[in-house]
Amino acid sequence: MITKYNSNIIIYLLDAEELKKLSTSDFWSYATYFRLIAFEYLSTNINSILYLDADVI
């Protein structure tokens, strides 16, 4: 599909240690912060983002 649609997939691995220090609850894990900061963190390099959680894949 990458070749067919002339696309690229880039996987960014982020260090979550600082996020683990933030407030969490039974419904709000540190992983939730990835969704909140992903575009801000990557916006200097990209203009769109598709976030796929493990249960979607």
N, C-alpha and C. Protein backbone atom coordinates (compact mmCIF):
# COMPACT_ATOMS: atom_id res chain seq x y z
N MET A 1 0.82 -1.20 0.00
CA MET A 1 0.00 0.00 0.00
C MET A 1 0.86 1.26 0.00
N ILE A 2 2.01 1.17 0.65
CA ILE A 2 2.91 2.32 0.68
C ILE A 2 3.31 2.71 -0.74
N THR A 3 3.72 1.72 -1.50
CA THR A 3 4.15 1.97 -2.88
C THR A 3 2.98 2.41 -3.74
N LYS A 4 1.86 1.74 -3.60
CA LYS A 4 0.68 2.04 -4.41
C LYS A 4 0.23 3.49 -4.24
N TYR A 5 0.25 3.99 -3.00
CA TYR A 5 -0.21 5.35 -2.71
C TYR A 5 0.92 6.36 -2.52
N ASN A 6 2.14 5.94 -2.85
CA ASN A 6 3.30 6.81 -2.75
C ASN A 6 3.37 7.51 -1.39
N SER A 7 3.35 6.70 -0.35
CA SER A 7 3.32 7.21 1.02
C SER A 7 4.54 6.73 1.81
N ASN A 8 4.67 7.27 2.99
CA ASN A 8 5.73 6.87 3.93
C ASN A 8 5.11 6.59 5.28
N ILE A 9 5.71 5.69 6.00
CA ILE A 9 5.34 5.46 7.39
C ILE A 9 6.58 5.75 8.22
N ILE A 10 6.44 6.64 9.17
CA ILE A 10 7.54 6.97 10.07
C ILE A 10 7.05 6.69 11.49
N ILE A 11 7.79 5.91 12.20
CA ILE A 11 7.43 5.56 13.57
C ILE A 11 8.35 6.34 14.51
N TYR A 12 7.75 7.11 15.40
CA TYR A 12 8.49 7.87 16.40
C TYR A 12 8.40 7.15 17.73
N LEU A 13 9.51 6.88 18.33
CA LEU A 13 9.54 6.28 19.66
C LEU A 13 9.84 7.39 20.65
N LEU A 14 8.95 7.57 21.61
CA LEU A 14 9.10 8.65 22.58
C LEU A 14 9.38 8.07 23.96
N ASP A 15 10.19 8.76 24.71
CA ASP A 15 10.50 8.37 26.08
C ASP A 15 9.36 8.81 26.99
N ALA A 16 8.73 7.88 27.65
CA ALA A 16 7.56 8.18 28.46
C ALA A 16 7.87 8.44 29.93
N GLU A 17 9.11 8.43 30.31
CA GLU A 17 9.45 8.58 31.73
C GLU A 17 8.92 9.87 32.34
N GLU A 18 9.01 10.98 31.64
CA GLU A 18 8.49 12.25 32.17
C GLU A 18 6.96 12.23 32.25
N LEU A 19 6.32 11.58 31.29
CA LEU A 19 4.85 11.50 31.31
C LEU A 19 4.35 10.67 32.48
N LYS A 20 5.12 9.69 32.88
CA LYS A 20 4.72 8.83 34.00
C LYS A 20 4.67 9.58 35.33
N LYS A 21 5.27 10.75 35.37
CA LYS A 21 5.27 11.57 36.59
C LYS A 21 4.01 12.42 36.72
N LEU A 22 3.22 12.52 35.65
CA LEU A 22 2.01 13.35 35.66
C LEU A 22 0.84 12.64 36.33
N SER A 23 -0.19 13.39 36.67
CA SER A 23 -1.36 12.84 37.35
C SER A 23 -2.06 11.78 36.49
N THR A 24 -2.51 10.73 37.16
CA THR A 24 -3.25 9.65 36.49
C THR A 24 -4.42 9.24 37.37
N SER A 25 -5.30 8.44 36.80
CA SER A 25 -6.43 7.87 37.54
C SER A 25 -6.77 6.53 36.92
N ASP A 26 -7.87 5.92 37.37
CA ASP A 26 -8.31 4.65 36.78
C ASP A 26 -8.72 4.82 35.33
N PHE A 27 -9.13 6.02 34.94
CA PHE A 27 -9.61 6.28 33.59
C PHE A 27 -8.61 7.08 32.75
N TRP A 28 -7.58 7.62 33.35
CA TRP A 28 -6.65 8.54 32.69
C TRP A 28 -5.23 8.05 32.99
N SER A 29 -4.63 7.29 32.09
CA SER A 29 -3.28 6.79 32.31
C SER A 29 -2.25 7.77 31.73
N TYR A 30 -1.01 7.52 32.00
CA TYR A 30 0.02 8.39 31.44
C TYR A 30 0.02 8.31 29.91
N ALA A 31 -0.43 7.20 29.34
CA ALA A 31 -0.48 7.05 27.89
C ALA A 31 -1.45 8.04 27.25
N THR A 32 -2.44 8.50 28.00
CA THR A 32 -3.38 9.50 27.49
C THR A 32 -2.66 10.78 27.10
N TYR A 33 -1.60 11.10 27.80
CA TYR A 33 -0.85 12.32 27.50
C TYR A 33 -0.22 12.28 26.11
N PHE A 34 0.08 11.09 25.61
CA PHE A 34 0.61 10.99 24.25
C PHE A 34 -0.36 11.58 23.24
N ARG A 35 -1.64 11.29 23.41
CA ARG A 35 -2.65 11.83 22.50
C ARG A 35 -2.72 13.35 22.58
N LEU A 36 -2.55 13.87 23.77
CA LEU A 36 -2.66 15.31 23.98
C LEU A 36 -1.45 16.09 23.45
N ILE A 37 -0.28 15.50 23.52
CA ILE A 37 0.92 16.24 23.12
C ILE A 37 1.51 15.81 21.78
N ALA A 38 1.00 14.74 21.19
CA ALA A 38 1.62 14.18 19.98
C ALA A 38 1.77 15.21 18.87
N PHE A 39 0.70 15.88 18.50
CA PHE A 39 0.80 16.82 17.39
C PHE A 39 1.67 18.02 17.75
N GLU A 40 1.54 18.51 18.97
CA GLU A 40 2.37 19.65 19.39
C GLU A 40 3.85 19.28 19.33
N TYR A 41 4.16 18.11 19.80
CA TYR A 41 5.55 17.63 19.82
C TYR A 41 6.11 17.44 18.41
N LEU A 42 5.30 16.92 17.51
CA LEU A 42 5.75 16.58 16.17
C LEU A 42 5.45 17.65 15.12
N SER A 43 4.73 18.70 15.47
CA SER A 43 4.24 19.66 14.47
C SER A 43 5.33 20.41 13.72
N THR A 44 6.53 20.44 14.24
CA THR A 44 7.60 21.10 13.49
C THR A 44 8.08 20.25 12.32
N ASN A 45 7.76 18.95 12.35
CA ASN A 45 8.21 18.04 11.31
C ASN A 45 7.09 17.57 10.37
N ILE A 46 5.85 17.63 10.83
CA ILE A 46 4.74 17.07 10.04
C ILE A 46 3.55 18.03 10.06
N ASN A 47 2.62 17.83 9.12
CA ASN A 47 1.42 18.68 9.11
C ASN A 47 0.14 17.90 9.39
N SER A 48 0.24 16.59 9.56
CA SER A 48 -0.92 15.79 9.96
C SER A 48 -0.42 14.56 10.70
N ILE A 49 -1.31 13.97 11.50
CA ILE A 49 -0.93 12.82 12.30
C ILE A 49 -2.12 11.87 12.41
N LEU A 50 -1.84 10.59 12.38
CA LEU A 50 -2.85 9.56 12.60
C LEU A 50 -2.38 8.76 13.80
N TYR A 51 -3.13 8.86 14.88
CA TYR A 51 -2.77 8.14 16.11
C TYR A 51 -3.61 6.87 16.16
N LEU A 52 -2.95 5.73 16.16
CA LEU A 52 -3.63 4.43 16.26
C LEU A 52 -3.27 3.79 17.58
N ASP A 53 -4.27 3.55 18.38
CA ASP A 53 -4.06 2.87 19.65
C ASP A 53 -3.98 1.36 19.39
N ALA A 54 -3.41 0.64 20.30
CA ALA A 54 -3.21 -0.81 20.11
C ALA A 54 -4.53 -1.55 19.87
N ASP A 55 -5.59 -1.14 20.52
CA ASP A 55 -6.87 -1.84 20.34
C ASP A 55 -7.50 -1.56 18.97
N VAL A 56 -7.06 -0.52 18.29
CA VAL A 56 -7.55 -0.22 16.93
C VAL A 56 -6.86 -1.10 15.92
N ILE A 57 -5.59 -1.34 16.14
CA ILE A 57 -4.80 -2.14 15.20
C ILE A 57 -5.25 -3.57 15.28
